[in-house]
Structures are given as structure tokens and as C-alpha cells.
Amino acid sequence: MSEKKSVLLAGLGSFGLLIGALLFQYVGEMPPCKMCYWQRYPHAAAVSIAALILLTRIRRFAILGFLLTLLTAGIGGFHAGVEQSWWDGPQTCTSSTIDNLSTEELLTHIMSAPIARCDEISWQMFGISMAGWNMVLSVCLAVLWGMALKSARTLDHRAANVSDQFK
């Protein structure tokens, strides 16, 4: 697969995941939690990096797309683990015990609670939550970015060999 096609597919993949997240949020009426937002930022940056590469032909930016998709895959994997109670998530995003709280403390706790909690699965398919799917699909996108990097290095190597022949 060509470098241009890999970059285009990776950028479109991140764009598609962002659109999907927004559809779940606004059409499906599933508000995102804090970690859901964290997973969106690298995708938005990866879309911008893909557009930059396609417009400027500066191939070396592909490393940023690769790292960004690995970052969002990591966040998605961590989030999926929090949802499955494999480990604790951020205190500002998960539920905590309300044992031994006074009425006033309980009211403060309720009023400061996030609308969507990071430790609850709001949707899943085949036993995998949205965060888990983000991880899986982001790893696939990282593979596309890796293919773009490999193509870019091959093209740079060939260009260097051609220029060496004219010396």
C-alpha cells in the first residue's frame, strides 16, 4: 500500500472514530466521561497530521500520527480496564464509597459527581466496550501509520540512492 493511501486511511479512520463518538454522544444520548474525552484528543490531532502530510508531503510527520494512535489506544485500554474493574481509574471520574458520610457530605459528593462515570460501561458489542473498541481500532490505525512510515523511509532511501548516482 502506498504511503499516501496509508496516511489517508489512517486519517479517515481517526475521523470516523471521532464521528462515531459524537454520534453516540448526541444521537445516542450517551454523555462521555473524562477518559472518553481524553481518547478523542489524539484522534483529532491524528486527523490534522494526516491532512498536513497530504497537503505538504512532509512524510516525517507520520511518526506523530503513529504515536498519537498508540497514545489513544493506550488510553482506551486503560479505560477498558477501569470499566472491567481490573484497576482503579482517576478519582474524579469513578465512584467511591459513600459509607460513613454525613448527609451534608453525601449531598456534596452527589453534586460533584461526574455526569458519566469512567467505571461504567454505557455500550458494548461482543463484550467489548467503546473504550475497548477504540483500543483495538486505534492499534489498527497505528499499523497504517507504521506502513506509511515504512513507505516514507523506502522512498527517502530510493531518492538518496538516485541522488548518489548523479554525484
Foldseek 3Di string as FASTA:
>chain_A
DALLVLLVVLLVLLVVLLVVVVCCVPVVVDPDFPLVVVLNVLSVVSNVLSVVCNVPVPLVSLVSNLVSLQVSLVSLVVLQCLLVVVDPDDPQAADDDPPPPDPVRVVVSVVSHDPHHSNHAPDDDPPAGSSRVSNVSSVVSSVSSVVSNVNVVVVVVVVVVVVVVVD
